[in-house]
């Protein structure tokens, strides 16, 4: 419906949090017809699947790659119906996850965002059906994206950086997100090979509703520059 409206009115439409293979296919087809449309994905949708809700999806970081071993008992796991895996849109099948990856890689989904949605612990410490939707994502989105897309060999580093910077700035017609002359000096410096464990006790956010705690991640920001001034190091 939204694609048809955009096509009819010649208005631009941006589709956020794309997570279903069918929706991504429709977006790709619309772009091929010249519809002014853009798409965005979140790290949890190109990394996790709905099997995580049942506690059966297990991951291990091996040689810088996030690899899923659904039946390997040696891998870290989590309890069933952990509310930190409840978000909107929900986690979907492995087929959908692969479609999100393909969409990000080929540019159908040109933006990666965190969908950062903090909640108090007591809000999430209830039955799965009663828990609010949403997870935090700002602190781990770069590292998870690097592992799942760059270190896995699915995507080159320049294109991945564009999904975080140039593409979203272009969408909102901003002069940020670039290192070009006269652009605002807002820069994040990161080490793509830095390995670290994302621990709950080290998180900066006041909220701890995150499904990636205790993951060995690869890639970490080391400096933040805002307006030409170092604000974090």
C-alpha atoms as a PDB file:
ATOM      1  CA  UNK A   1       0.000   0.000   0.000  1.00  0.00           C
ATOM      2  CA  UNK A   2       2.653   2.523   0.999  1.00  0.00           C
ATOM      3  CA  UNK A   3       4.737   1.735  -2.073  1.00  0.00           C
ATOM      4  CA  UNK A   4       1.708   2.241  -4.313  1.00  0.00           C
ATOM      5  CA  UNK A   5       0.955   5.574  -2.638  1.00  0.00           C
ATOM      6  CA  UNK A   6       4.553   6.723  -3.096  1.00  0.00           C
ATOM      7  CA  UNK A   7       4.486   5.620  -6.725  1.00  0.00           C
ATOM      8  CA  UNK A   8       1.170   7.363  -7.387  1.00  0.00           C
ATOM      9  CA  UNK A   9       2.071  10.645  -5.685  1.00  0.00           C
ATOM     10  CA  UNK A  10       5.767  10.595  -6.633  1.00  0.00           C
ATOM     11  CA  UNK A  11       6.574  11.272  -2.985  1.00  0.00           C
ATOM     12  CA  UNK A  12       9.507   9.688  -1.174  1.00  0.00           C
ATOM     13  CA  UNK A  13       8.874   6.963   1.383  1.00  0.00           C
ATOM     14  CA  UNK A  14      11.332   5.558   3.911  1.00  0.00           C
ATOM     15  CA  UNK A  15      10.734   2.046   5.284  1.00  0.00           C
ATOM     16  CA  UNK A  16      12.354   1.485   8.669  1.00  0.00           C
ATOM     17  CA  UNK A  17      13.223  -1.700  10.582  1.00  0.00           C
ATOM     18  CA  UNK A  18      12.807  -3.967   7.553  1.00  0.00           C
ATOM     19  CA  UNK A  19      12.802  -7.579   8.732  1.00  0.00           C
ATOM     20  CA  UNK A  20      10.646  -9.727   6.405  1.00  0.00           C
ATOM     21  CA  UNK A  21      11.909 -11.282   3.178  1.00  0.00           C
ATOM     22  CA  UNK A  22       8.690 -10.479   1.321  1.00  0.00           C
ATOM     23  CA  UNK A  23       8.776  -6.812   2.284  1.00  0.00           C
ATOM     24  CA  UNK A  24      12.394  -6.475   1.212  1.00  0.00           C
ATOM     25  CA  UNK A  25      11.564  -8.092  -2.123  1.00  0.00           C
ATOM     26  CA  UNK A  26       8.752  -5.567  -2.681  1.00  0.00           C
ATOM     27  CA  UNK A  27      11.086  -2.692  -1.822  1.00  0.00           C
ATOM     28  CA  UNK A  28      13.741  -3.963  -4.242  1.00  0.00           C
ATOM     29  CA  UNK A  29      11.161  -4.329  -7.014  1.00  0.00           C
ATOM     30  CA  UNK A  30       9.835  -0.818  -6.351  1.00  0.00           C
ATOM     31  CA  UNK A  31      13.330   0.629  -6.638  1.00  0.00           C
ATOM     32  CA  UNK A  32      13.789  -1.123  -9.967  1.00  0.00           C
ATOM     33  CA  UNK A  33      10.651   0.662 -11.210  1.00  0.00           C
ATOM     34  CA  UNK A  34      12.062   4.020 -10.169  1.00  0.00           C
ATOM     35  CA  UNK A  35       9.928   4.550  -7.077  1.00  0.00           C
ATOM     36  CA  UNK A  36      11.531   7.041  -4.673  1.00  0.00           C
ATOM     37  CA  UNK A  37      11.922   4.709  -1.723  1.00  0.00           C
ATOM     38  CA  UNK A  38      14.593   3.868   0.844  1.00  0.00           C
ATOM     39  CA  UNK A  39      14.971   1.144   3.436  1.00  0.00           C
ATOM     40  CA  UNK A  40      16.704   0.559   6.729  1.00  0.00           C
ATOM     41  CA  UNK A  41      17.727  -2.450   8.816  1.00  0.00           C
ATOM     42  CA  UNK A  42      18.736  -3.098  12.420  1.00  0.00           C
ATOM     43  CA  UNK A  43      21.600  -5.337  13.605  1.00  0.00           C
ATOM     44  CA  UNK A  44      19.318  -7.646  15.598  1.00  0.00           C
ATOM     45  CA  UNK A  45      17.284  -8.449  12.490  1.00  0.00           C
ATOM     46  CA  UNK A  46      20.338  -9.449  10.434  1.00  0.00           C
ATOM     47  CA  UNK A  47      21.887 -11.392  13.317  1.00  0.00           C
ATOM     48  CA  UNK A  48      19.195 -13.087  15.428  1.00  0.00           C
ATOM     49  CA  UNK A  49      16.195 -15.249  14.518  1.00  0.00           C
ATOM     50  CA  UNK A  50      12.963 -16.214  16.242  1.00  0.00           C
ATOM     51  CA  UNK A  51      14.672 -19.395  17.448  1.00  0.00           C
ATOM     52  CA  UNK A  52      16.324 -17.218  20.094  1.00  0.00           C
ATOM     53  CA  UNK A  53      12.967 -16.765  21.814  1.00  0.00           C
ATOM     54  CA  UNK A  54      12.815 -20.515  22.389  1.00  0.00           C
ATOM     55  CA  UNK A  55      16.373 -20.484  23.728  1.00  0.00           C
ATOM     56  CA  UNK A  56      17.534 -22.730  20.879  1.00  0.00           C
ATOM     57  CA  UNK A  57      19.598 -20.298  18.819  1.00  0.00           C
ATOM     58  CA  UNK A  58      23.181 -20.230  20.043  1.00  0.00           C
ATOM     59  CA  UNK A  59      26.093 -18.153  18.869  1.00  0.00           C
ATOM     60  CA  UNK A  60      29.813 -18.159  19.221  1.00  0.00           C
ATOM     61  CA  UNK A  61      32.325 -15.639  17.949  1.00  0.00           C
ATOM     62  CA  UNK A  62      34.944 -17.615  16.039  1.00  0.00           C
ATOM     63  CA  UNK A  63      37.753 -15.924  14.109  1.00  0.00           C
ATOM     64  CA  UNK A  64      35.798 -12.683  14.111  1.00  0.00           C
ATOM     65  CA  UNK A  65      32.644 -14.229  12.674  1.00  0.00           C
ATOM     66  CA  UNK A  66      29.284 -14.461  14.384  1.00  0.00           C
ATOM     67  CA  UNK A  67      28.222 -18.007  13.603  1.00  0.00           C
ATOM     68  CA  UNK A  68      24.944 -19.652  14.560  1.00  0.00           C
ATOM     69  CA  UNK A  69      25.006 -23.216  15.842  1.00  0.00           C
ATOM     70  CA  UNK A  70      21.368 -24.123  16.553  1.00  0.00           C
ATOM     71  CA  UNK A  71      22.198 -27.523  18.054  1.00  0.00           C
ATOM     72  CA  UNK A  72      25.707 -27.121  19.451  1.00  0.00           C
ATOM     73  CA  UNK A  73      25.555 -27.633  23.189  1.00  0.00           C
ATOM     74  CA  UNK A  74      28.994 -26.076  23.715  1.00  0.00           C
ATOM     75  CA  UNK A  75      27.810 -22.595  22.738  1.00  0.00           C
ATOM     76  CA  UNK A  76      26.476 -19.936  25.119  1.00  0.00           C
ATOM     77  CA  UNK A  77      22.706 -19.868  25.346  1.00  0.00           C
ATOM     78  CA  UNK A  78      19.894 -18.095  27.208  1.00  0.00           C
ATOM     79  CA  UNK A  79      16.575 -19.005  28.846  1.00  0.00           C
ATOM     80  CA  UNK A  80      13.355 -19.503  26.941  1.00  0.00           C
ATOM     81  CA  UNK A  81      11.153 -16.459  26.389  1.00  0.00           C
ATOM     82  CA  UNK A  82      13.823 -13.978  27.434  1.00  0.00           C
ATOM     83  CA  UNK A  83      12.047 -10.629  27.058  1.00  0.00           C
ATOM     84  CA  UNK A  84      15.259  -9.025  25.801  1.00  0.00           C
ATOM     85  CA  UNK A  85      14.479 -10.784  22.519  1.00  0.00           C
ATOM     86  CA  UNK A  86      11.104  -9.063  22.239  1.00  0.00           C
ATOM     87  CA  UNK A  87      11.158  -6.178  19.795  1.00  0.00           C
ATOM     88  CA  UNK A  88       9.008  -4.651  17.069  1.00  0.00           C
ATOM     89  CA  UNK A  89       9.159  -5.863  14.333  1.00  0.00           C
ATOM     90  CA  UNK A  90       9.757  -9.267  15.920  1.00  0.00           C
ATOM     91  CA  UNK A  91      12.621 -11.616  15.211  1.00  0.00           C
ATOM     92  CA  UNK A  92      11.821 -13.817  12.239  1.00  0.00           C
ATOM     93  CA  UNK A  93      13.115 -16.930  10.461  1.00  0.00           C
ATOM     94  CA  UNK A  94      16.629 -17.654   9.214  1.00  0.00           C
ATOM     95  CA  UNK A  95      15.310 -17.048   5.684  1.00  0.00           C
ATOM     96  CA  UNK A  96      14.175 -13.573   6.686  1.00  0.00           C
ATOM     97  CA  UNK A  97      17.492 -12.873   8.394  1.00  0.00           C
ATOM     98  CA  UNK A  98      19.367 -13.801   5.223  1.00  0.00           C
ATOM     99  CA  UNK A  99      17.073 -11.534   3.203  1.00  0.00           C
ATOM    100  CA  UNK A 100      17.917  -8.618   5.510  1.00  0.00           C
ATOM    101  CA  UNK A 101      21.639  -9.315   5.084  1.00  0.00           C
ATOM    102  CA  UNK A 102      21.280  -9.459   1.307  1.00  0.00           C
ATOM    103  CA  UNK A 103      19.279  -6.226   1.363  1.00  0.00           C
ATOM    104  CA  UNK A 104      21.951  -4.377   3.319  1.00  0.00           C
ATOM    105  CA  UNK A 105      24.764  -5.779   1.176  1.00  0.00           C
ATOM    106  CA  UNK A 106      23.195  -4.921  -2.191  1.00  0.00           C
ATOM    107  CA  UNK A 107      21.972  -1.491  -1.072  1.00  0.00           C
ATOM    108  CA  UNK A 108      18.252  -2.209  -1.110  1.00  0.00           C
ATOM    109  CA  UNK A 109      18.437  -1.342   2.582  1.00  0.00           C
ATOM    110  CA  UNK A 110      20.869   1.555   2.514  1.00  0.00           C
ATOM    111  CA  UNK A 111      20.760   2.504   6.195  1.00  0.00           C
ATOM    112  CA  UNK A 112      21.646   0.650   9.411  1.00  0.00           C
ATOM    113  CA  UNK A 113      20.129   1.996  12.619  1.00  0.00           C
ATOM    114  CA  UNK A 114      19.993   0.792  16.211  1.00  0.00           C
ATOM    115  CA  UNK A 115      16.247   1.075  16.959  1.00  0.00           C
ATOM    116  CA  UNK A 116      17.479   1.973  20.465  1.00  0.00           C
ATOM    117  CA  UNK A 117      14.516   1.472  22.820  1.00  0.00           C
ATOM    118  CA  UNK A 118      15.523   1.483  26.500  1.00  0.00           C
ATOM    119  CA  UNK A 119      13.232   0.105  29.206  1.00  0.00           C
ATOM    120  CA  UNK A 120      13.528  -0.196  32.979  1.00  0.00           C
ATOM    121  CA  UNK A 121      14.475  -3.647  34.262  1.00  0.00           C
ATOM    122  CA  UNK A 122      11.145  -4.077  36.046  1.00  0.00           C
ATOM    123  CA  UNK A 123       9.288  -3.510  32.779  1.00  0.00           C
ATOM    124  CA  UNK A 124      11.091  -6.408  31.132  1.00  0.00           C
ATOM    125  CA  UNK A 125      11.067  -8.720  34.168  1.00  0.00           C
ATOM    126  CA  UNK A 126       7.552  -9.969  33.464  1.00  0.00           C
ATOM    127  CA  UNK A 127       5.942 -12.659  31.325  1.00  0.00           C
ATOM    128  CA  UNK A 128       6.942 -12.458  27.677  1.00  0.00           C
ATOM    129  CA  UNK A 129       3.428 -11.543  26.534  1.00  0.00           C
ATOM    130  CA  UNK A 130       3.243  -8.650  29.009  1.00  0.00           C
ATOM    131  CA  UNK A 131       6.712  -7.200  28.403  1.00  0.00           C
ATOM    132  CA  UNK A 132       7.121  -4.057  26.288  1.00  0.00           C
ATOM    133  CA  UNK A 133       8.700  -4.260  22.853  1.00  0.00           C
ATOM    134  CA  UNK A 134      12.212  -2.948  22.323  1.00  0.00           C
ATOM    135  CA  UNK A 135      15.908  -3.343  23.098  1.00  0.00           C
ATOM    136  CA  UNK A 136      18.870  -1.032  23.518  1.00  0.00           C
ATOM    137  CA  UNK A 137      21.279  -0.942  20.607  1.00  0.00           C
ATOM    138  CA  UNK A 138      23.512   2.117  20.447  1.00  0.00           C
ATOM    139  CA  UNK A 139      26.484   0.591  22.277  1.00  0.00           C
ATOM    140  CA  UNK A 140      26.714  -2.616  20.277  1.00  0.00           C
ATOM    141  CA  UNK A 141      25.304  -1.789  16.832  1.00  0.00           C
ATOM    142  CA  UNK A 142      28.680  -1.058  15.221  1.00  0.00           C
ATOM    143  CA  UNK A 143      30.407  -4.154  16.605  1.00  0.00           C
ATOM    144  CA  UNK A 144      27.544  -6.516  15.768  1.00  0.00           C
ATOM    145  CA  UNK A 145      27.344  -5.067  12.249  1.00  0.00           C
ATOM    146  CA  UNK A 146      31.095  -5.406  11.743  1.00  0.00           C
ATOM    147  CA  UNK A 147      31.043  -9.027  12.852  1.00  0.00           C
ATOM    148  CA  UNK A 148      27.970 -10.098  10.949  1.00  0.00           C
ATOM    149  CA  UNK A 149      28.641  -8.195   7.725  1.00  0.00           C
ATOM    150  CA  UNK A 150      32.327  -7.186   7.457  1.00  0.00           C
ATOM    151  CA  UNK A 151      34.329  -9.798   9.355  1.00  0.00           C
ATOM    152  CA  UNK A 152      32.114 -12.509   7.857  1.00  0.00           C
ATOM    153  CA  UNK A 153      33.202 -11.391   4.385  1.00  0.00           C
ATOM    154  CA  UNK A 154      29.720 -10.394   3.248  1.00  0.00           C
ATOM    155  CA  UNK A 155      30.477  -6.676   2.858  1.00  0.00           C
ATOM    156  CA  UNK A 156      33.441  -4.330   2.475  1.00  0.00           C
ATOM    157  CA  UNK A 157      34.211  -1.778   5.165  1.00  0.00           C
ATOM    158  CA  UNK A 158      33.592   1.328   3.051  1.00  0.00           C
ATOM    159  CA  UNK A 159      30.060   0.254   2.147  1.00  0.00           C
ATOM    160  CA  UNK A 160      29.300  -0.672   5.749  1.00  0.00           C
ATOM    161  CA  UNK A 161      30.441   2.747   6.976  1.00  0.00           C
ATOM    162  CA  UNK A 162      28.244   4.382   4.340  1.00  0.00           C
ATOM    163  CA  UNK A 163      25.190   2.611   5.795  1.00  0.00           C
ATOM    164  CA  UNK A 164      25.870   4.354   9.119  1.00  0.00           C
ATOM    165  CA  UNK A 165      26.913   7.783   7.859  1.00  0.00           C
ATOM    166  CA  UNK A 166      26.502   9.055   4.306  1.00  0.00           C
ATOM    167  CA  UNK A 167      23.230   7.259   3.566  1.00  0.00           C
ATOM    168  CA  UNK A 168      21.206   8.473   6.579  1.00  0.00           C
ATOM    169  CA  UNK A 169      22.572  12.002   6.162  1.00  0.00           C
ATOM    170  CA  UNK A 170      21.565  11.942   2.512  1.00  0.00           C
ATOM    171  CA  UNK A 171      18.061  10.794   3.426  1.00  0.00           C
ATOM    172  CA  UNK A 172      17.427  13.819   5.662  1.00  0.00           C
ATOM    173  CA  UNK A 173      19.350  16.144   3.330  1.00  0.00           C
ATOM    174  CA  UNK A 174      22.042  16.877   5.918  1.00  0.00           C
ATOM    175  CA  UNK A 175      25.640  17.928   5.220  1.00  0.00           C
ATOM    176  CA  UNK A 176      26.838  15.611   7.994  1.00  0.00           C
ATOM    177  CA  UNK A 177      28.001  12.027   7.735  1.00  0.00           C
ATOM    178  CA  UNK A 178      31.011  12.850   5.554  1.00  0.00           C
ATOM    179  CA  UNK A 179      34.663  13.861   5.875  1.00  0.00           C
ATOM    180  CA  UNK A 180      34.449  16.314   2.986  1.00  0.00           C
ATOM    181  CA  UNK A 181      35.811  19.867   3.213  1.00  0.00           C
ATOM    182  CA  UNK A 182      33.592  22.250   5.226  1.00  0.00           C
ATOM    183  CA  UNK A 183      31.471  19.407   6.630  1.00  0.00           C
ATOM    184  CA  UNK A 184      30.884  19.426  10.416  1.00  0.00           C
ATOM    185  CA  UNK A 185      33.747  17.648  12.181  1.00  0.00           C
ATOM    186  CA  UNK A 186      31.558  15.025  13.857  1.00  0.00           C
ATOM    187  CA  UNK A 187      33.581  11.820  13.680  1.00  0.00           C
ATOM    188  CA  UNK A 188      33.684   8.424  15.351  1.00  0.00           C
ATOM    189  CA  UNK A 189      37.076   6.707  15.224  1.00  0.00           C
ATOM    190  CA  UNK A 190      36.919   2.939  15.678  1.00  0.00           C
ATOM    191  CA  UNK A 191      39.197  -0.083  15.655  1.00  0.00           C
ATOM    192  CA  UNK A 192      37.522  -2.764  13.511  1.00  0.00           C
ATOM    193  CA  UNK A 193      39.707  -5.521  14.984  1.00  0.00           C
ATOM    194  CA  UNK A 194      39.374  -4.719  18.690  1.00  0.00           C
ATOM    195  CA  UNK A 195      37.881  -7.708  20.531  1.00  0.00           C
ATOM    196  CA  UNK A 196      35.803  -7.139  23.637  1.00  0.00           C
ATOM    197  CA  UNK A 197      33.052  -8.753  25.663  1.00  0.00           C
ATOM    198  CA  UNK A 198      29.860  -6.727  25.885  1.00  0.00           C
ATOM    199  CA  UNK A 199      29.042  -7.002  29.589  1.00  0.00           C
ATOM    200  CA  UNK A 200      25.939  -5.784  31.360  1.00  0.00           C
ATOM    201  CA  UNK A 201      27.969  -4.137  34.135  1.00  0.00           C
ATOM    202  CA  UNK A 202      29.994  -2.098  31.634  1.00  0.00           C
ATOM    203  CA  UNK A 203      27.063  -0.660  29.723  1.00  0.00           C
ATOM    204  CA  UNK A 204      26.761   3.132  29.656  1.00  0.00           C
ATOM    205  CA  UNK A 205      23.011   3.208  29.169  1.00  0.00           C
ATOM    206  CA  UNK A 206      20.863   3.180  32.291  1.00  0.00           C
ATOM    207  CA  UNK A 207      18.790   0.485  30.607  1.00  0.00           C
ATOM    208  CA  UNK A 208      19.987  -3.116  30.299  1.00  0.00           C
ATOM    209  CA  UNK A 209      17.396  -4.637  27.963  1.00  0.00           C
ATOM    210  CA  UNK A 210      19.866  -5.999  25.438  1.00  0.00           C
ATOM    211  CA  UNK A 211      20.145  -9.501  23.912  1.00  0.00           C
ATOM    212  CA  UNK A 212      23.869  -9.264  23.130  1.00  0.00           C
ATOM    213  CA  UNK A 213      25.316  -9.272  26.651  1.00  0.00           C
ATOM    214  CA  UNK A 214      28.261 -11.665  27.128  1.00  0.00           C
ATOM    215  CA  UNK A 215      28.940 -11.802  23.385  1.00  0.00           C
ATOM    216  CA  UNK A 216      32.556 -11.613  22.284  1.00  0.00           C
ATOM    217  CA  UNK A 217      32.391  -8.762  19.768  1.00  0.00           C
ATOM    218  CA  UNK A 218      34.962  -7.483  17.294  1.00  0.00           C
ATOM    219  CA  UNK A 219      35.155  -3.784  16.485  1.00  0.00           C
ATOM    220  CA  UNK A 220      34.873  -0.903  18.920  1.00  0.00           C
ATOM    221  CA  UNK A 221      34.764   2.921  18.903  1.00  0.00           C
ATOM    222  CA  UNK A 222      37.893   4.463  20.441  1.00  0.00           C
ATOM    223  CA  UNK A 223      37.251   8.192  20.007  1.00  0.00           C
ATOM    224  CA  UNK A 224      34.329  10.542  19.383  1.00  0.00           C
ATOM    225  CA  UNK A 225      34.810  14.020  17.923  1.00  0.00           C
ATOM    226  CA  UNK A 226      31.974  16.568  17.927  1.00  0.00           C
ATOM    227  CA  UNK A 227      32.433  19.923  16.263  1.00  0.00           C
ATOM    228  CA  UNK A 228      36.165  19.284  16.009  1.00  0.00           C
ATOM    229  CA  UNK A 229      36.526  18.629  19.751  1.00  0.00           C
ATOM    230  CA  UNK A 230      37.329  15.238  21.295  1.00  0.00           C
ATOM    231  CA  UNK A 231      34.449  14.456  23.664  1.00  0.00           C
ATOM    232  CA  UNK A 232      35.153  10.782  24.345  1.00  0.00           C
ATOM    233  CA  UNK A 233      38.308   8.694  24.185  1.00  0.00           C
END
